[in-house]
C-alpha atoms as a PDB file:
ATOM      1  CA  MET A   1       0.000   0.000   0.000  1.00  0.00           C
ATOM      2  CA  VAL A   2       2.930   2.342   0.692  1.00  0.00           C
ATOM      3  CA  GLU A   3       4.144   1.903  -2.885  1.00  0.00           C
ATOM      4  CA  HIS A   4       0.654   2.546  -4.208  1.00  0.00           C
ATOM      5  CA  PHE A   5       0.202   5.774  -2.234  1.00  0.00           C
ATOM      6  CA  GLY A   6       3.737   6.845  -3.119  1.00  0.00           C
ATOM      7  CA  GLN A   7       2.486   7.378  -6.652  1.00  0.00           C
ATOM      8  CA  PHE A   8      -0.148   9.855  -5.465  1.00  0.00           C
ATOM      9  CA  HIS A   9       2.288  12.809  -5.248  1.00  0.00           C
ATOM     10  CA  SER A  10       1.679  13.677  -8.891  1.00  0.00           C
ATOM     11  CA  LEU A  11      -1.905  12.450  -9.072  1.00  0.00           C
ATOM     12  CA  MET A  12      -3.640  15.499  -7.599  1.00  0.00           C
ATOM     13  CA  PRO A  13      -1.893  18.051  -9.857  1.00  0.00           C
ATOM     14  CA  SER A  14      -2.528  15.845 -12.885  1.00  0.00           C
ATOM     15  CA  ILE A  15      -6.233  15.512 -12.132  1.00  0.00           C
ATOM     16  CA  ALA A  16      -6.458  19.253 -11.427  1.00  0.00           C
ATOM     17  CA  MET A  17      -4.990  19.958 -14.857  1.00  0.00           C
ATOM     18  CA  ILE A  18      -7.537  17.650 -16.489  1.00  0.00           C
ATOM     19  CA  PHE A  19     -10.415  19.491 -14.809  1.00  0.00           C
ATOM     20  CA  HIS A  20      -8.829  22.807 -15.754  1.00  0.00           C
ATOM     21  CA  CYS A  21      -8.467  21.760 -19.410  1.00  0.00           C
ATOM     22  CA  ILE A  22     -12.132  20.783 -19.453  1.00  0.00           C
ATOM     23  CA  ASP A  23     -13.045  24.245 -18.134  1.00  0.00           C
ATOM     24  CA  ILE A  24     -10.824  25.904 -20.750  1.00  0.00           C
ATOM     25  CA  ALA A  25     -12.466  23.846 -23.505  1.00  0.00           C
ATOM     26  CA  ASP A  26     -15.848  25.073 -22.247  1.00  0.00           C
ATOM     27  CA  ASP A  27     -14.563  28.688 -22.238  1.00  0.00           C
ATOM     28  CA  THR A  28     -15.538  29.022 -18.585  1.00  0.00           C
ATOM     29  CA  VAL A  29     -12.133  30.055 -17.134  1.00  0.00           C
ATOM     30  CA  SER A  30      -8.915  31.846 -17.971  1.00  0.00           C
ATOM     31  CA  LEU A  31      -5.582  30.085 -18.419  1.00  0.00           C
ATOM     32  CA  ASP A  32      -4.765  30.180 -14.684  1.00  0.00           C
ATOM     33  CA  LEU A  33      -5.491  26.999 -12.748  1.00  0.00           C
ATOM     34  CA  THR A  34      -8.567  27.568 -10.607  1.00  0.00           C
ATOM     35  CA  ALA A  35      -9.248  26.666  -6.995  1.00  0.00           C
ATOM     36  CA  LYS A  36     -12.324  24.808  -8.232  1.00  0.00           C
ATOM     37  CA  SER A  37     -10.142  22.470 -10.318  1.00  0.00           C
ATOM     38  CA  ALA A  38      -7.855  21.885  -7.332  1.00  0.00           C
ATOM     39  CA  ARG A  39     -10.796  21.130  -5.021  1.00  0.00           C
ATOM     40  CA  LEU A  40     -12.249  18.672  -7.519  1.00  0.00           C
ATOM     41  CA  ALA A  41      -8.865  16.964  -7.812  1.00  0.00           C
ATOM     42  CA  VAL A  42      -8.527  16.686  -4.036  1.00  0.00           C
ATOM     43  CA  SER A  43     -12.009  15.164  -3.852  1.00  0.00           C
ATOM     44  CA  TRP A  44     -11.090  12.602  -6.497  1.00  0.00           C
ATOM     45  CA  CYS A  45      -7.852  11.743  -4.675  1.00  0.00           C
ATOM     46  CA  ASP A  46      -9.804  11.244  -1.440  1.00  0.00           C
ATOM     47  CA  TYR A  47     -12.206   8.929  -3.260  1.00  0.00           C
ATOM     48  CA  LEU A  48      -9.388   6.971  -4.900  1.00  0.00           C
ATOM     49  CA  GLU A  49      -7.540   6.643  -1.596  1.00  0.00           C
ATOM     50  CA  SER A  50     -10.603   5.278   0.201  1.00  0.00           C
ATOM     51  CA  HIS A  51     -11.212   2.857  -2.658  1.00  0.00           C
ATOM     52  CA  ALA A  52      -7.586   1.639  -2.584  1.00  0.00           C
ATOM     53  CA  ARG A  53      -7.727   1.169   1.190  1.00  0.00           C
ATOM     54  CA  ARG A  54     -10.859  -0.993   0.859  1.00  0.00           C
ATOM     55  CA  ILE A  55      -9.193  -3.135  -1.794  1.00  0.00           C
ATOM     56  CA  TYR A  56      -5.947  -3.587   0.146  1.00  0.00           C
ATOM     57  CA  THR A  57      -7.874  -4.370   3.335  1.00  0.00           C
ATOM     58  CA  MET A  58      -9.879  -7.009   1.486  1.00  0.00           C
ATOM     59  CA  VAL A  59      -6.698  -8.691   0.231  1.00  0.00           C
ATOM     60  CA  ASP A  60      -5.376  -9.041   3.792  1.00  0.00           C
ATOM     61  CA  SER A  61      -8.624 -10.453   5.189  1.00  0.00           C
ATOM     62  CA  PRO A  62      -9.075 -14.095   6.241  1.00  0.00           C
ATOM     63  CA  GLU A  63     -12.156 -14.276   4.021  1.00  0.00           C
ATOM     64  CA  HIS A  64     -10.053 -13.431   0.984  1.00  0.00           C
ATOM     65  CA  GLU A  65      -7.505 -16.118   1.875  1.00  0.00           C
ATOM     66  CA  ALA A  66     -10.305 -18.667   2.227  1.00  0.00           C
ATOM     67  CA  ALA A  67     -11.763 -17.630  -1.144  1.00  0.00           C
ATOM     68  CA  VAL A  68      -8.360 -18.005  -2.837  1.00  0.00           C
ATOM     69  CA  ARG A  69      -7.888 -21.492  -1.356  1.00  0.00           C
ATOM     70  CA  LEU A  70     -11.401 -22.521  -2.389  1.00  0.00           C
ATOM     71  CA  THR A  71     -10.858 -21.211  -5.934  1.00  0.00           C
ATOM     72  CA  LYS A  72      -7.678 -23.272  -6.250  1.00  0.00           C
ATOM     73  CA  LYS A  73      -9.575 -26.374  -5.184  1.00  0.00           C
ATOM     74  CA  LEU A  74     -12.412 -25.714  -7.626  1.00  0.00           C
ATOM     75  CA  LYS A  75     -10.217 -25.014 -10.663  1.00  0.00           C
ATOM     76  CA  PRO A  76      -9.485 -28.075 -12.762  1.00  0.00           C
ATOM     77  CA  ASN A  77      -5.831 -29.071 -12.885  1.00  0.00           C
ATOM     78  CA  ARG A  78      -4.301 -28.460 -16.274  1.00  0.00           C
END
């Protein structure tokens, strides 16, 4: 998970630029990056972080281990 979140340092600015480019294409803002674009990017990063935490937590759960073992037993040997 540390490696995954280590990649987030450039994620927020990149998403902010995407939102800003969308606003520029709509002729709704000037060329300066807006606070609105930054806030939207932060919201997306929060969402992505919570989603990643749920996924990583699921992988470490005993239920996941049991499901993996059961899947291996159910798959035909090739």
